[in-house]
């Protein structure tokens, strides 16, 4: 009973501190910064590098972030300057990203932003590590989801012969090593080993149910960040599986077409020989 009261006091203290530190304005700023990071990764030519930003800060007037129009004007000016030098070759225009490439960049950046916050942000990292000190934990399915997605065995986190989370054992894996596994997670390419039924995407996604980031952040902000990471990882993994499935389908259709073409050639040759 004393342990449960201690957990309750920890939870109330965390909620008070989170309310002060994670205001709606702060959360909005984080979301805006994340979106900006994605845009910089997708369109690096539209944003100055760090050296240019430092030069702007040291100058007499603050530099403004470039817009698409200003970037185009800069490119036109560069093109005019290049045109004045007949010996200089015209560089090739930057390659336009495909939809799949944009989706992969978006996934890479957002997954990294989540793990960076869990590893380096003082409050978020503290909230993550503090869960290992709890005697009991809520939202057990989210905890199982991250373990299973990272291919932990059921026996490492659940009671024997059940799917009931055994937190006394499972929390031993709730450490920086778990975050390192998230960083090392690769959503692309086929698995080179067998995946257990409870480690599949369908099973893991089913564990999440209807719980939302906002709802979970009321309990523990770091657990909400993990929920966000899981959803991003599942989305990216499903997209990669679909892409590889389509590639296999195209190759299979090409092979079938060649087989049919060869069959028709042999039939024509046989007919010609008979005639």
C-alpha atoms as a PDB file:
ATOM      1  CA  UNK A   1       0.000   0.000   0.000  1.00  0.00           C
ATOM      2  CA  UNK A   2       2.847   2.350   0.861  1.00  0.00           C
ATOM      3  CA  UNK A   3       4.409   1.730  -2.569  1.00  0.00           C
ATOM      4  CA  UNK A   4       1.159   2.597  -4.329  1.00  0.00           C
ATOM      5  CA  UNK A   5       0.891   5.833  -2.345  1.00  0.00           C
ATOM      6  CA  UNK A   6       4.483   6.652  -3.294  1.00  0.00           C
ATOM      7  CA  UNK A   7       3.672   6.069  -6.976  1.00  0.00           C
ATOM      8  CA  UNK A   8       0.611   8.289  -6.647  1.00  0.00           C
ATOM      9  CA  UNK A   9       2.660  11.086  -5.065  1.00  0.00           C
ATOM     10  CA  UNK A  10       5.250  10.787  -7.855  1.00  0.00           C
ATOM     11  CA  UNK A  11       2.509  11.008 -10.482  1.00  0.00           C
ATOM     12  CA  UNK A  12       0.922  14.082  -8.895  1.00  0.00           C
ATOM     13  CA  UNK A  13       4.315  15.774  -8.587  1.00  0.00           C
ATOM     14  CA  UNK A  14       5.134  14.996 -12.238  1.00  0.00           C
ATOM     15  CA  UNK A  15       1.782  16.375 -13.403  1.00  0.00           C
ATOM     16  CA  UNK A  16       2.362  19.613 -11.501  1.00  0.00           C
ATOM     17  CA  UNK A  17       5.823  20.087 -12.987  1.00  0.00           C
ATOM     18  CA  UNK A  18       4.660  19.106 -16.481  1.00  0.00           C
ATOM     19  CA  UNK A  19       1.809  21.595 -16.325  1.00  0.00           C
ATOM     20  CA  UNK A  20       4.335  24.342 -15.611  1.00  0.00           C
ATOM     21  CA  UNK A  21       6.984  23.242 -18.131  1.00  0.00           C
ATOM     22  CA  UNK A  22       4.885  21.771 -20.945  1.00  0.00           C
ATOM     23  CA  UNK A  23       2.366  24.495 -21.570  1.00  0.00           C
ATOM     24  CA  UNK A  24       0.219  24.572 -24.696  1.00  0.00           C
ATOM     25  CA  UNK A  25       2.491  27.267 -26.128  1.00  0.00           C
ATOM     26  CA  UNK A  26       5.591  25.122 -25.582  1.00  0.00           C
ATOM     27  CA  UNK A  27       3.988  22.069 -27.214  1.00  0.00           C
ATOM     28  CA  UNK A  28       2.924  24.229 -30.174  1.00  0.00           C
ATOM     29  CA  UNK A  29       6.462  25.595 -30.525  1.00  0.00           C
ATOM     30  CA  UNK A  30       7.849  22.040 -30.520  1.00  0.00           C
ATOM     31  CA  UNK A  31       5.411  21.017 -33.273  1.00  0.00           C
ATOM     32  CA  UNK A  32       6.361  24.065 -35.373  1.00  0.00           C
ATOM     33  CA  UNK A  33      10.077  23.341 -34.877  1.00  0.00           C
ATOM     34  CA  UNK A  34       9.557  19.711 -35.930  1.00  0.00           C
ATOM     35  CA  UNK A  35       7.733  20.772 -39.092  1.00  0.00           C
ATOM     36  CA  UNK A  36      10.511  23.244 -39.883  1.00  0.00           C
ATOM     37  CA  UNK A  37      13.137  20.518 -39.462  1.00  0.00           C
ATOM     38  CA  UNK A  38      11.257  18.366 -41.982  1.00  0.00           C
ATOM     39  CA  UNK A  39      11.043  21.261 -44.462  1.00  0.00           C
ATOM     40  CA  UNK A  40      14.770  21.940 -44.129  1.00  0.00           C
ATOM     41  CA  UNK A  41      15.512  18.287 -44.858  1.00  0.00           C
ATOM     42  CA  UNK A  42      13.208  18.272 -47.888  1.00  0.00           C
ATOM     43  CA  UNK A  43      14.252  21.631 -49.337  1.00  0.00           C
ATOM     44  CA  UNK A  44      17.770  22.468 -48.065  1.00  0.00           C
ATOM     45  CA  UNK A  45      18.317  25.050 -50.840  1.00  0.00           C
ATOM     46  CA  UNK A  46      15.585  27.255 -49.381  1.00  0.00           C
ATOM     47  CA  UNK A  47      17.307  27.560 -46.003  1.00  0.00           C
ATOM     48  CA  UNK A  48      20.744  28.971 -45.181  1.00  0.00           C
ATOM     49  CA  UNK A  49      23.301  26.741 -43.532  1.00  0.00           C
ATOM     50  CA  UNK A  50      24.549  27.378 -39.993  1.00  0.00           C
ATOM     51  CA  UNK A  51      27.509  29.475 -41.142  1.00  0.00           C
ATOM     52  CA  UNK A  52      25.237  31.830 -43.090  1.00  0.00           C
ATOM     53  CA  UNK A  53      22.906  32.111 -40.099  1.00  0.00           C
ATOM     54  CA  UNK A  54      25.832  33.031 -37.826  1.00  0.00           C
ATOM     55  CA  UNK A  55      27.000  35.708 -40.279  1.00  0.00           C
ATOM     56  CA  UNK A  56      23.491  37.134 -40.301  1.00  0.00           C
ATOM     57  CA  UNK A  57      23.397  37.248 -36.505  1.00  0.00           C
ATOM     58  CA  UNK A  58      26.756  39.050 -36.334  1.00  0.00           C
ATOM     59  CA  UNK A  59      25.737  41.666 -38.918  1.00  0.00           C
ATOM     60  CA  UNK A  60      24.084  44.992 -38.199  1.00  0.00           C
ATOM     61  CA  UNK A  61      20.690  43.767 -39.334  1.00  0.00           C
ATOM     62  CA  UNK A  62      19.069  40.447 -38.405  1.00  0.00           C
ATOM     63  CA  UNK A  63      18.761  38.034 -41.289  1.00  0.00           C
ATOM     64  CA  UNK A  64      15.353  36.869 -42.374  1.00  0.00           C
ATOM     65  CA  UNK A  65      14.584  33.272 -43.318  1.00  0.00           C
ATOM     66  CA  UNK A  66      14.516  32.954 -47.103  1.00  0.00           C
ATOM     67  CA  UNK A  67      11.294  32.374 -48.936  1.00  0.00           C
ATOM     68  CA  UNK A  68      10.805  30.314 -52.046  1.00  0.00           C
ATOM     69  CA  UNK A  69      10.613  33.551 -54.080  1.00  0.00           C
ATOM     70  CA  UNK A  70      13.850  34.943 -52.649  1.00  0.00           C
ATOM     71  CA  UNK A  71      15.569  31.597 -53.243  1.00  0.00           C
ATOM     72  CA  UNK A  72      14.443  31.650 -56.862  1.00  0.00           C
ATOM     73  CA  UNK A  73      15.726  35.208 -57.289  1.00  0.00           C
ATOM     74  CA  UNK A  74      19.058  34.151 -55.822  1.00  0.00           C
ATOM     75  CA  UNK A  75      19.234  31.255 -58.273  1.00  0.00           C
ATOM     76  CA  UNK A  76      18.377  33.621 -61.162  1.00  0.00           C
ATOM     77  CA  UNK A  77      21.175  35.964 -60.056  1.00  0.00           C
ATOM     78  CA  UNK A  78      23.605  33.085 -59.843  1.00  0.00           C
ATOM     79  CA  UNK A  79      22.517  31.954 -63.301  1.00  0.00           C
ATOM     80  CA  UNK A  80      23.113  35.462 -64.717  1.00  0.00           C
ATOM     81  CA  UNK A  81      26.562  35.541 -63.183  1.00  0.00           C
ATOM     82  CA  UNK A  82      27.354  32.166 -64.651  1.00  0.00           C
ATOM     83  CA  UNK A  83      26.090  33.332 -68.036  1.00  0.00           C
ATOM     84  CA  UNK A  84      28.668  36.147 -68.059  1.00  0.00           C
ATOM     85  CA  UNK A  85      31.445  33.571 -67.967  1.00  0.00           C
ATOM     86  CA  UNK A  86      31.408  31.636 -71.268  1.00  0.00           C
ATOM     87  CA  UNK A  87      33.952  29.064 -70.067  1.00  0.00           C
ATOM     88  CA  UNK A  88      31.834  28.023 -67.081  1.00  0.00           C
ATOM     89  CA  UNK A  89      29.402  25.167 -67.688  1.00  0.00           C
ATOM     90  CA  UNK A  90      25.783  25.443 -66.610  1.00  0.00           C
ATOM     91  CA  UNK A  91      25.277  23.172 -63.563  1.00  0.00           C
ATOM     92  CA  UNK A  92      22.507  20.636 -63.604  1.00  0.00           C
ATOM     93  CA  UNK A  93      19.317  21.646 -61.760  1.00  0.00           C
ATOM     94  CA  UNK A  94      18.706  19.887 -58.416  1.00  0.00           C
ATOM     95  CA  UNK A  95      16.953  16.556 -58.743  1.00  0.00           C
ATOM     96  CA  UNK A  96      13.259  16.660 -57.885  1.00  0.00           C
ATOM     97  CA  UNK A  97      12.440  14.265 -55.056  1.00  0.00           C
ATOM     98  CA  UNK A  98       9.874  11.568 -55.672  1.00  0.00           C
ATOM     99  CA  UNK A  99       6.897  11.128 -53.363  1.00  0.00           C
ATOM    100  CA  UNK A 100       8.498   8.016 -51.856  1.00  0.00           C
ATOM    101  CA  UNK A 101      11.752   9.880 -51.186  1.00  0.00           C
ATOM    102  CA  UNK A 102       9.861  12.715 -49.505  1.00  0.00           C
ATOM    103  CA  UNK A 103       7.946  10.247 -47.350  1.00  0.00           C
ATOM    104  CA  UNK A 104      11.176   8.508 -46.309  1.00  0.00           C
ATOM    105  CA  UNK A 105      12.827  11.816 -45.403  1.00  0.00           C
ATOM    106  CA  UNK A 106       9.770  12.849 -43.404  1.00  0.00           C
ATOM    107  CA  UNK A 107       9.842   9.529 -41.504  1.00  0.00           C
ATOM    108  CA  UNK A 108      13.607   9.673 -40.890  1.00  0.00           C
ATOM    109  CA  UNK A 109      13.488  13.216 -39.514  1.00  0.00           C
ATOM    110  CA  UNK A 110      10.433  12.733 -37.286  1.00  0.00           C
ATOM    111  CA  UNK A 111      11.652   9.407 -35.868  1.00  0.00           C
ATOM    112  CA  UNK A 112      15.002  11.010 -35.026  1.00  0.00           C
ATOM    113  CA  UNK A 113      13.320  14.028 -33.433  1.00  0.00           C
ATOM    114  CA  UNK A 114      11.397  11.706 -31.101  1.00  0.00           C
ATOM    115  CA  UNK A 115      14.466   9.764 -29.996  1.00  0.00           C
ATOM    116  CA  UNK A 116      16.526  12.949 -29.652  1.00  0.00           C
ATOM    117  CA  UNK A 117      13.943  14.384 -27.242  1.00  0.00           C
ATOM    118  CA  UNK A 118      13.858  11.170 -25.223  1.00  0.00           C
ATOM    119  CA  UNK A 119      17.666  11.034 -25.045  1.00  0.00           C
ATOM    120  CA  UNK A 120      18.689  14.671 -24.641  1.00  0.00           C
ATOM    121  CA  UNK A 121      15.708  16.740 -23.471  1.00  0.00           C
ATOM    122  CA  UNK A 122      16.119  16.984 -19.696  1.00  0.00           C
ATOM    123  CA  UNK A 123      12.449  16.782 -18.706  1.00  0.00           C
ATOM    124  CA  UNK A 124      11.470  14.127 -21.259  1.00  0.00           C
ATOM    125  CA  UNK A 125      14.472  11.937 -20.421  1.00  0.00           C
ATOM    126  CA  UNK A 126      13.742  12.279 -16.705  1.00  0.00           C
ATOM    127  CA  UNK A 127      10.105  11.264 -17.212  1.00  0.00           C
ATOM    128  CA  UNK A 128      11.221   8.244 -19.225  1.00  0.00           C
ATOM    129  CA  UNK A 129      13.703   6.998 -16.639  1.00  0.00           C
ATOM    130  CA  UNK A 130      11.327   7.674 -13.732  1.00  0.00           C
ATOM    131  CA  UNK A 131       8.894   5.030 -14.990  1.00  0.00           C
ATOM    132  CA  UNK A 132      11.390   2.328 -14.042  1.00  0.00           C
ATOM    133  CA  UNK A 133      11.053   3.457 -10.419  1.00  0.00           C
ATOM    134  CA  UNK A 134       7.298   2.879 -10.375  1.00  0.00           C
ATOM    135  CA  UNK A 135       5.921  -0.213  -8.682  1.00  0.00           C
ATOM    136  CA  UNK A 136       2.922  -0.220 -11.011  1.00  0.00           C
ATOM    137  CA  UNK A 137       2.353   1.388 -14.376  1.00  0.00           C
ATOM    138  CA  UNK A 138      -0.646   2.396 -16.420  1.00  0.00           C
ATOM    139  CA  UNK A 139      -1.157   1.998 -20.182  1.00  0.00           C
ATOM    140  CA  UNK A 140       0.534  -1.392 -20.174  1.00  0.00           C
ATOM    141  CA  UNK A 141      -0.318  -2.035 -23.828  1.00  0.00           C
ATOM    142  CA  UNK A 142       1.778   0.921 -24.998  1.00  0.00           C
ATOM    143  CA  UNK A 143       4.707  -0.455 -23.015  1.00  0.00           C
ATOM    144  CA  UNK A 144       4.245  -3.913 -24.545  1.00  0.00           C
ATOM    145  CA  UNK A 145       3.936  -2.318 -28.008  1.00  0.00           C
ATOM    146  CA  UNK A 146       7.375  -0.709 -27.861  1.00  0.00           C
ATOM    147  CA  UNK A 147       8.938  -3.904 -26.510  1.00  0.00           C
ATOM    148  CA  UNK A 148       7.358  -6.087 -29.193  1.00  0.00           C
ATOM    149  CA  UNK A 149       8.130  -3.674 -32.049  1.00  0.00           C
ATOM    150  CA  UNK A 150      11.787  -3.788 -30.967  1.00  0.00           C
ATOM    151  CA  UNK A 151      11.537  -7.602 -30.978  1.00  0.00           C
ATOM    152  CA  UNK A 152      11.753  -8.342 -27.270  1.00  0.00           C
ATOM    153  CA  UNK A 153      10.502 -11.810 -26.390  1.00  0.00           C
ATOM    154  CA  UNK A 154       7.204 -12.122 -24.561  1.00  0.00           C
ATOM    155  CA  UNK A 155       8.957 -14.017 -21.763  1.00  0.00           C
ATOM    156  CA  UNK A 156      11.092 -10.923 -21.075  1.00  0.00           C
ATOM    157  CA  UNK A 157       8.146  -8.653 -20.315  1.00  0.00           C
ATOM    158  CA  UNK A 158       5.070 -10.765 -19.489  1.00  0.00           C
ATOM    159  CA  UNK A 159       3.943 -13.330 -16.967  1.00  0.00           C
ATOM    160  CA  UNK A 160       4.657 -16.907 -18.109  1.00  0.00           C
ATOM    161  CA  UNK A 161       2.225 -18.273 -20.687  1.00  0.00           C
ATOM    162  CA  UNK A 162       0.235 -14.988 -20.781  1.00  0.00           C
ATOM    163  CA  UNK A 163       0.145 -11.576 -22.439  1.00  0.00           C
ATOM    164  CA  UNK A 164      -0.087  -9.835 -19.045  1.00  0.00           C
ATOM    165  CA  UNK A 165       2.711  -7.317 -18.567  1.00  0.00           C
ATOM    166  CA  UNK A 166       4.951  -8.219 -15.631  1.00  0.00           C
ATOM    167  CA  UNK A 167       6.337  -4.789 -14.808  1.00  0.00           C
ATOM    168  CA  UNK A 168       8.673  -6.036 -12.092  1.00  0.00           C
ATOM    169  CA  UNK A 169      10.631  -7.874 -14.809  1.00  0.00           C
ATOM    170  CA  UNK A 170       9.836  -5.657 -17.812  1.00  0.00           C
ATOM    171  CA  UNK A 171      11.096  -2.458 -16.164  1.00  0.00           C
ATOM    172  CA  UNK A 172      14.617  -3.911 -16.066  1.00  0.00           C
ATOM    173  CA  UNK A 173      14.723  -3.249 -19.827  1.00  0.00           C
ATOM    174  CA  UNK A 174      13.327   0.284 -19.402  1.00  0.00           C
ATOM    175  CA  UNK A 175      16.647   2.119 -19.704  1.00  0.00           C
ATOM    176  CA  UNK A 176      18.873   3.979 -22.130  1.00  0.00           C
ATOM    177  CA  UNK A 177      19.444   0.647 -23.898  1.00  0.00           C
ATOM    178  CA  UNK A 178      15.792   0.703 -24.956  1.00  0.00           C
ATOM    179  CA  UNK A 179      16.251   4.198 -26.420  1.00  0.00           C
ATOM    180  CA  UNK A 180      19.394   3.015 -28.215  1.00  0.00           C
ATOM    181  CA  UNK A 181      17.351   0.204 -29.783  1.00  0.00           C
ATOM    182  CA  UNK A 182      14.846   2.799 -30.981  1.00  0.00           C
ATOM    183  CA  UNK A 183      17.668   4.815 -32.555  1.00  0.00           C
ATOM    184  CA  UNK A 184      19.026   1.694 -34.271  1.00  0.00           C
ATOM    185  CA  UNK A 185      15.585   0.639 -35.561  1.00  0.00           C
ATOM    186  CA  UNK A 186      15.486   0.230 -39.365  1.00  0.00           C
ATOM    187  CA  UNK A 187      12.055   0.297 -40.995  1.00  0.00           C
ATOM    188  CA  UNK A 188      13.255  -0.535 -44.518  1.00  0.00           C
ATOM    189  CA  UNK A 189      14.210  -3.842 -46.146  1.00  0.00           C
ATOM    190  CA  UNK A 190      13.039  -7.353 -45.384  1.00  0.00           C
ATOM    191  CA  UNK A 191      13.767  -8.984 -42.040  1.00  0.00           C
ATOM    192  CA  UNK A 192      16.447 -11.623 -42.247  1.00  0.00           C
ATOM    193  CA  UNK A 193      14.952 -13.645 -39.400  1.00  0.00           C
ATOM    194  CA  UNK A 194      11.634 -14.986 -38.200  1.00  0.00           C
ATOM    195  CA  UNK A 195       9.177 -12.589 -36.550  1.00  0.00           C
ATOM    196  CA  UNK A 196       6.938 -13.948 -33.813  1.00  0.00           C
ATOM    197  CA  UNK A 197       3.188 -13.415 -34.119  1.00  0.00           C
ATOM    198  CA  UNK A 198       3.096 -10.852 -31.289  1.00  0.00           C
ATOM    199  CA  UNK A 199       5.927  -8.865 -32.935  1.00  0.00           C
ATOM    200  CA  UNK A 200       4.014  -8.265 -36.169  1.00  0.00           C
ATOM    201  CA  UNK A 201       2.812  -4.784 -37.124  1.00  0.00           C
ATOM    202  CA  UNK A 202      -0.859  -5.798 -36.914  1.00  0.00           C
ATOM    203  CA  UNK A 203      -0.475  -7.119 -33.371  1.00  0.00           C
ATOM    204  CA  UNK A 204       1.532  -4.118 -32.173  1.00  0.00           C
ATOM    205  CA  UNK A 205      -0.895  -1.648 -33.745  1.00  0.00           C
ATOM    206  CA  UNK A 206      -3.796  -3.492 -32.157  1.00  0.00           C
ATOM    207  CA  UNK A 207      -2.237  -2.965 -28.731  1.00  0.00           C
ATOM    208  CA  UNK A 208      -2.353   0.808 -29.159  1.00  0.00           C
ATOM    209  CA  UNK A 209      -6.129   0.908 -29.546  1.00  0.00           C
ATOM    210  CA  UNK A 210      -7.643   4.392 -29.602  1.00  0.00           C
ATOM    211  CA  UNK A 211      -5.287   6.077 -27.143  1.00  0.00           C
ATOM    212  CA  UNK A 212      -4.008   9.484 -28.254  1.00  0.00           C
ATOM    213  CA  UNK A 213      -0.830  11.475 -27.679  1.00  0.00           C
ATOM    214  CA  UNK A 214      -2.741  14.119 -25.724  1.00  0.00           C
ATOM    215  CA  UNK A 215      -4.376  11.556 -23.448  1.00  0.00           C
ATOM    216  CA  UNK A 216      -1.134   9.732 -22.727  1.00  0.00           C
ATOM    217  CA  UNK A 217       0.831  12.932 -22.103  1.00  0.00           C
ATOM    218  CA  UNK A 218      -1.453  13.597 -19.138  1.00  0.00           C
ATOM    219  CA  UNK A 219       0.015  10.485 -17.536  1.00  0.00           C
ATOM    220  CA  UNK A 220       3.643  10.635 -18.706  1.00  0.00           C
ATOM    221  CA  UNK A 221       4.978  12.872 -21.469  1.00  0.00           C
ATOM    222  CA  UNK A 222       7.839  10.548 -22.412  1.00  0.00           C
ATOM    223  CA  UNK A 223       5.422   7.626 -22.834  1.00  0.00           C
ATOM    224  CA  UNK A 224       3.387   9.847 -25.169  1.00  0.00           C
ATOM    225  CA  UNK A 225       6.558  10.496 -27.187  1.00  0.00           C
ATOM    226  CA  UNK A 226       7.114   6.741 -27.412  1.00  0.00           C
ATOM    227  CA  UNK A 227       3.532   6.289 -28.629  1.00  0.00           C
ATOM    228  CA  UNK A 228       4.215   8.894 -31.330  1.00  0.00           C
ATOM    229  CA  UNK A 229       7.431   7.090 -32.319  1.00  0.00           C
ATOM    230  CA  UNK A 230       5.665   3.712 -32.524  1.00  0.00           C
ATOM    231  CA  UNK A 231       2.984   5.100 -34.846  1.00  0.00           C
ATOM    232  CA  UNK A 232       5.605   6.758 -37.068  1.00  0.00           C
ATOM    233  CA  UNK A 233       7.669   3.555 -37.202  1.00  0.00           C
ATOM    234  CA  UNK A 234       4.648   1.398 -38.087  1.00  0.00           C
ATOM    235  CA  UNK A 235       3.580   3.821 -40.821  1.00  0.00           C
ATOM    236  CA  UNK A 236       7.084   3.872 -42.334  1.00  0.00           C
ATOM    237  CA  UNK A 237       7.432   0.081 -42.086  1.00  0.00           C
ATOM    238  CA  UNK A 238       4.077  -0.531 -43.783  1.00  0.00           C
ATOM    239  CA  UNK A 239       4.992   1.871 -46.567  1.00  0.00           C
ATOM    240  CA  UNK A 240       8.288   0.067 -47.155  1.00  0.00           C
ATOM    241  CA  UNK A 241       6.555  -3.328 -47.210  1.00  0.00           C
ATOM    242  CA  UNK A 242       4.069  -2.000 -49.766  1.00  0.00           C
ATOM    243  CA  UNK A 243       6.863  -0.590 -51.917  1.00  0.00           C
ATOM    244  CA  UNK A 244       8.799  -3.851 -51.910  1.00  0.00           C
ATOM    245  CA  UNK A 245       5.601  -5.790 -52.628  1.00  0.00           C
ATOM    246  CA  UNK A 246       4.913  -3.613 -55.677  1.00  0.00           C
ATOM    247  CA  UNK A 247       8.490  -4.051 -56.890  1.00  0.00           C
ATOM    248  CA  UNK A 248       8.139  -7.834 -56.619  1.00  0.00           C
ATOM    249  CA  UNK A 249       4.831  -7.669 -58.472  1.00  0.00           C
ATOM    250  CA  UNK A 250       6.415  -5.704 -61.337  1.00  0.00           C
ATOM    251  CA  UNK A 251       9.325  -8.147 -61.546  1.00  0.00           C
ATOM    252  CA  UNK A 252       6.924 -11.100 -61.511  1.00  0.00           C
ATOM    253  CA  UNK A 253       4.827  -9.571 -64.291  1.00  0.00           C
ATOM    254  CA  UNK A 254       7.950  -8.889 -66.370  1.00  0.00           C
ATOM    255  CA  UNK A 255       9.115 -12.470 -65.860  1.00  0.00           C
ATOM    256  CA  UNK A 256       5.705 -13.872 -66.820  1.00  0.00           C
ATOM    257  CA  UNK A 257       5.663 -11.679 -69.912  1.00  0.00           C
ATOM    258  CA  UNK A 258       9.109 -12.951 -70.967  1.00  0.00           C
ATOM    259  CA  UNK A 259       8.051 -16.564 -70.366  1.00  0.00           C
ATOM    260  CA  UNK A 260       4.942 -16.053 -72.491  1.00  0.00           C
ATOM    261  CA  UNK A 261       6.997 -14.332 -75.194  1.00  0.00           C
ATOM    262  CA  UNK A 262       9.469 -17.234 -75.240  1.00  0.00           C
ATOM    263  CA  UNK A 263       6.613 -19.728 -75.388  1.00  0.00           C
ATOM    264  CA  UNK A 264       5.112 -17.962 -78.413  1.00  0.00           C
ATOM    265  CA  UNK A 265       8.538 -17.840 -80.094  1.00  0.00           C
ATOM    266  CA  UNK A 266       9.020 -21.594 -79.638  1.00  0.00           C
ATOM    267  CA  UNK A 267       5.536 -22.288 -80.988  1.00  0.00           C
ATOM    268  CA  UNK A 268       6.206 -20.124 -84.073  1.00  0.00           C
ATOM    269  CA  UNK A 269       9.564 -21.821 -84.650  1.00  0.00           C
ATOM    270  CA  UNK A 270       8.011 -25.292 -84.333  1.00  0.00           C
ATOM    271  CA  UNK A 271       5.286 -24.329 -86.779  1.00  0.00           C
ATOM    272  CA  UNK A 272       7.812 -22.955 -89.265  1.00  0.00           C
ATOM    273  CA  UNK A 273       9.880 -26.159 -89.031  1.00  0.00           C
ATOM    274  CA  UNK A 274       6.794 -28.317 -89.659  1.00  0.00           C
ATOM    275  CA  UNK A 275       5.838 -26.236 -92.690  1.00  0.00           C
END
